[in-house]
C-alpha atoms as a PDB file:
ATOM      1  CA  MET A   1      38.065 -31.395  40.309  1.00  0.00           C
ATOM      2  CA  LYS A   2      37.850 -35.120  41.059  1.00  0.00           C
ATOM      3  CA  ALA A   3      34.881 -36.433  43.039  1.00  0.00           C
ATOM      4  CA  ILE A   4      37.043 -37.793  45.847  1.00  0.00           C
ATOM      5  CA  LYS A   5      38.628 -34.374  46.386  1.00  0.00           C
ATOM      6  CA  LYS A   6      35.180 -32.740  46.523  1.00  0.00           C
ATOM      7  CA  ILE A   7      33.867 -35.311  48.990  1.00  0.00           C
ATOM      8  CA  LYS A   8      36.898 -34.734  51.247  1.00  0.00           C
ATOM      9  CA  GLN A   9      36.350 -30.969  51.052  1.00  0.00           C
ATOM     10  CA  ALA A  10      32.675 -31.431  51.865  1.00  0.00           C
ATOM     11  CA  ALA A  11      33.494 -33.615  54.878  1.00  0.00           C
ATOM     12  CA  ILE A  12      35.811 -30.967  56.331  1.00  0.00           C
ATOM     13  CA  ILE A  13      33.255 -28.187  55.818  1.00  0.00           C
ATOM     14  CA  ILE A  14      30.472 -30.236  57.378  1.00  0.00           C
ATOM     15  CA  GLU A  15      32.523 -31.215  60.401  1.00  0.00           C
ATOM     16  CA  ASP A  16      33.811 -27.662  60.931  1.00  0.00           C
ATOM     17  CA  LEU A  17      30.562 -25.776  60.515  1.00  0.00           C
ATOM     18  CA  PHE A  18      27.629 -28.103  61.101  1.00  0.00           C
ATOM     19  CA  SER A  19      28.672 -30.973  63.361  1.00  0.00           C
ATOM     20  CA  LYS A  20      26.368 -29.901  66.204  1.00  0.00           C
ATOM     21  CA  HIS A  21      23.343 -30.401  63.907  1.00  0.00           C
ATOM     22  CA  ILE A  22      24.349 -33.922  62.849  1.00  0.00           C
ATOM     23  CA  SER A  23      23.614 -37.134  64.757  1.00  0.00           C
ATOM     24  CA  ARG A  24      25.264 -39.482  62.231  1.00  0.00           C
ATOM     25  CA  PHE A  25      27.912 -38.946  59.552  1.00  0.00           C
ATOM     26  CA  VAL A  26      28.811 -41.664  57.007  1.00  0.00           C
ATOM     27  CA  LEU A  27      31.549 -41.038  54.437  1.00  0.00           C
ATOM     28  CA  ASP A  28      31.775 -43.400  51.452  1.00  0.00           C
ATOM     29  CA  TYR A  29      34.922 -42.918  49.376  1.00  0.00           C
ATOM     30  CA  GLU A  30      34.023 -45.634  46.857  1.00  0.00           C
ATOM     31  CA  ASP A  31      30.768 -44.035  45.739  1.00  0.00           C
ATOM     32  CA  PRO A  32      31.926 -40.744  46.674  1.00  0.00           C
ATOM     33  CA  ARG A  33      29.005 -39.886  48.893  1.00  0.00           C
ATOM     34  CA  ILE A  34      28.242 -38.538  52.345  1.00  0.00           C
ATOM     35  CA  LYS A  35      25.146 -39.527  54.266  1.00  0.00           C
ATOM     36  CA  LEU A  36      24.101 -37.329  57.158  1.00  0.00           C
ATOM     37  CA  ILE A  37      21.333 -37.869  59.620  1.00  0.00           C
ATOM     38  CA  LEU A  38      20.454 -34.563  61.218  1.00  0.00           C
ATOM     39  CA  ASN A  39      19.343 -34.230  64.819  1.00  0.00           C
ATOM     40  CA  ASP A  40      15.720 -33.789  63.674  1.00  0.00           C
ATOM     41  CA  GLY A  41      15.815 -37.064  61.666  1.00  0.00           C
ATOM     42  CA  VAL A  42      16.167 -35.486  58.218  1.00  0.00           C
ATOM     43  CA  ILE A  43      18.568 -37.428  55.986  1.00  0.00           C
ATOM     44  CA  VAL A  44      20.941 -35.599  53.652  1.00  0.00           C
ATOM     45  CA  TYR A  45      22.967 -37.238  50.880  1.00  0.00           C
ATOM     46  CA  LEU A  46      25.776 -35.382  49.110  1.00  0.00           C
ATOM     47  CA  GLN A  47      27.239 -37.054  46.056  1.00  0.00           C
ATOM     48  CA  TYR A  48      29.826 -36.058  43.441  1.00  0.00           C
ATOM     49  CA  SER A  49      31.040 -37.678  40.216  1.00  0.00           C
ATOM     50  CA  ASN A  50      34.253 -37.343  38.232  1.00  0.00           C
ATOM     51  CA  HIS A  51      32.210 -35.716  35.452  1.00  0.00           C
ATOM     52  CA  ASP A  52      31.440 -32.551  37.483  1.00  0.00           C
ATOM     53  CA  GLN A  53      28.013 -33.882  38.413  1.00  0.00           C
ATOM     54  CA  TYR A  54      26.615 -33.569  41.917  1.00  0.00           C
ATOM     55  CA  SER A  55      23.440 -34.042  43.883  1.00  0.00           C
ATOM     56  CA  TYR A  56      22.336 -32.864  47.297  1.00  0.00           C
ATOM     57  CA  ASN A  57      19.269 -34.826  48.420  1.00  0.00           C
ATOM     58  CA  ILE A  58      17.294 -33.937  51.528  1.00  0.00           C
ATOM     59  CA  ILE A  59      14.897 -36.678  52.607  1.00  0.00           C
ATOM     60  CA  PHE A  60      12.184 -35.622  55.066  1.00  0.00           C
ATOM     61  CA  SER A  61      10.248 -38.900  55.268  1.00  0.00           C
ATOM     62  CA  ASN A  62       9.506 -42.120  53.366  1.00  0.00           C
ATOM     63  CA  GLU A  63       6.470 -40.525  51.719  1.00  0.00           C
ATOM     64  CA  THR A  64       6.575 -40.151  47.925  1.00  0.00           C
ATOM     65  CA  LEU A  65       8.445 -36.993  46.855  1.00  0.00           C
ATOM     66  CA  ASP A  66       8.928 -35.866  50.459  1.00  0.00           C
ATOM     67  CA  ARG A  67      12.371 -34.639  49.540  1.00  0.00           C
ATOM     68  CA  CYS A  68      14.257 -31.710  48.038  1.00  0.00           C
ATOM     69  CA  ARG A  69      17.077 -32.134  45.586  1.00  0.00           C
ATOM     70  CA  PHE A  70      19.719 -29.936  44.028  1.00  0.00           C
ATOM     71  CA  ASP A  71      21.595 -31.448  41.098  1.00  0.00           C
ATOM     72  CA  ASN A  72      22.928 -31.100  37.579  1.00  0.00           C
ATOM     73  CA  TYR A  73      22.522 -34.712  36.401  1.00  0.00           C
ATOM     74  CA  ASP A  74      20.305 -33.794  33.480  1.00  0.00           C
ATOM     75  CA  ASP A  75      19.778 -30.674  31.427  1.00  0.00           C
ATOM     76  CA  LYS A  76      16.175 -31.177  30.333  1.00  0.00           C
ATOM     77  CA  TRP A  77      14.841 -28.576  32.757  1.00  0.00           C
ATOM     78  CA  GLN A  78      14.334 -25.148  31.236  1.00  0.00           C
ATOM     79  CA  VAL A  79      15.583 -23.038  34.133  1.00  0.00           C
ATOM     80  CA  GLU A  80      17.823 -19.979  34.237  1.00  0.00           C
ATOM     81  CA  SER A  81      20.532 -21.901  36.118  1.00  0.00           C
ATOM     82  CA  LYS A  82      20.600 -24.844  33.653  1.00  0.00           C
ATOM     83  CA  PRO A  83      21.968 -27.508  34.087  1.00  0.00           C
ATOM     84  CA  HIS A  84      21.865 -26.761  37.843  1.00  0.00           C
ATOM     85  CA  HIS A  85      18.343 -27.083  39.179  1.00  0.00           C
ATOM     86  CA  PHE A  86      16.288 -27.516  42.344  1.00  0.00           C
ATOM     87  CA  HIS A  87      13.409 -29.942  42.922  1.00  0.00           C
ATOM     88  CA  PRO A  88      11.274 -28.589  45.795  1.00  0.00           C
ATOM     89  CA  ARG A  89       9.577 -30.727  48.369  1.00  0.00           C
ATOM     90  CA  LEU A  90       6.635 -32.785  47.058  1.00  0.00           C
ATOM     91  CA  LEU A  91       7.061 -31.601  43.444  1.00  0.00           C
ATOM     92  CA  LYS A  92       8.593 -33.242  40.356  1.00  0.00           C
ATOM     93  CA  GLU A  93       9.231 -29.933  38.593  1.00  0.00           C
ATOM     94  CA  ALA A  94      12.606 -28.216  38.647  1.00  0.00           C
ATOM     95  CA  PHE A  95      13.391 -24.586  39.369  1.00  0.00           C
ATOM     96  CA  PHE A  96      16.325 -22.184  39.578  1.00  0.00           C
ATOM     97  CA  SER A  97      19.175 -23.323  41.813  1.00  0.00           C
ATOM     98  CA  PRO A  98      22.020 -21.286  43.339  1.00  0.00           C
ATOM     99  CA  MET A  99      24.178 -24.434  43.582  1.00  0.00           C
ATOM    100  CA  SER A 100      27.165 -25.109  41.338  1.00  0.00           C
ATOM    101  CA  GLY A 101      28.660 -28.382  42.585  1.00  0.00           C
ATOM    102  CA  ASN A 102      31.382 -26.517  44.482  1.00  0.00           C
ATOM    103  CA  PRO A 103      31.326 -27.731  48.112  1.00  0.00           C
ATOM    104  CA  THR A 104      32.955 -24.591  49.508  1.00  0.00           C
ATOM    105  CA  LYS A 105      30.141 -22.454  48.096  1.00  0.00           C
ATOM    106  CA  ASP A 106      27.181 -24.825  48.120  1.00  0.00           C
ATOM    107  CA  LEU A 107      27.333 -26.318  51.600  1.00  0.00           C
ATOM    108  CA  GLU A 108      27.002 -23.029  53.436  1.00  0.00           C
ATOM    109  CA  ILE A 109      23.882 -22.284  51.379  1.00  0.00           C
ATOM    110  CA  LEU A 110      22.466 -25.772  51.864  1.00  0.00           C
ATOM    111  CA  PHE A 111      22.948 -25.921  55.599  1.00  0.00           C
ATOM    112  CA  SER A 112      21.744 -22.385  56.226  1.00  0.00           C
ATOM    113  CA  LEU A 113      18.527 -23.371  54.424  1.00  0.00           C
ATOM    114  CA  LEU A 114      18.225 -26.538  56.490  1.00  0.00           C
ATOM    115  CA  ILE A 115      19.005 -24.885  59.809  1.00  0.00           C
ATOM    116  CA  SER A 116      16.601 -21.996  59.116  1.00  0.00           C
ATOM    117  CA  GLY A 117      13.793 -24.459  58.346  1.00  0.00           C
ATOM    118  CA  LYS A 118      13.126 -22.947  54.899  1.00  0.00           C
ATOM    119  CA  MET A 119      13.611 -26.320  53.194  1.00  0.00           C
ATOM    120  CA  PHE A 120      10.648 -27.737  55.125  1.00  0.00           C
ATOM    121  CA  ASN A 121       8.207 -25.403  53.358  1.00  0.00           C
ATOM    122  CA  GLN A 122       6.582 -27.021  50.329  1.00  0.00           C
ATOM    123  CA  ASN A 123       6.308 -23.635  48.608  1.00  0.00           C
ATOM    124  CA  PHE A 124       9.970 -22.729  49.033  1.00  0.00           C
ATOM    125  CA  SER A 125      11.843 -21.576  45.934  1.00  0.00           C
ATOM    126  CA  PHE A 126      14.707 -19.212  45.145  1.00  0.00           C
ATOM    127  CA  LYS A 127      12.660 -16.931  42.897  1.00  0.00           C
END
């Protein structure tokens, strides 16, 4: 599926399910990327490429590594879900990820983690 189609799908899902948690929504069709600023100040970037690559970046602050990221941009990480992997908050390592680059599946998982507060925990992982 083309990146622009995925970004449009993601925008619809976000607006339908999570709009009350978002203070700012920026949709960039050229890059294809969405930038969200949540009500608590957390910044979320969702990006897709035409090569079935994706990344979901959650930025908590400007501090080094104060972010979480789900992506499949590289396959060097030896995880069960390879090439899909998860970089937890404050760590460089990668771990198992339930994400697949499919907005209809991934965004419900992502936002339930954000809304529940689980993503704020430095020790959070899926296994």
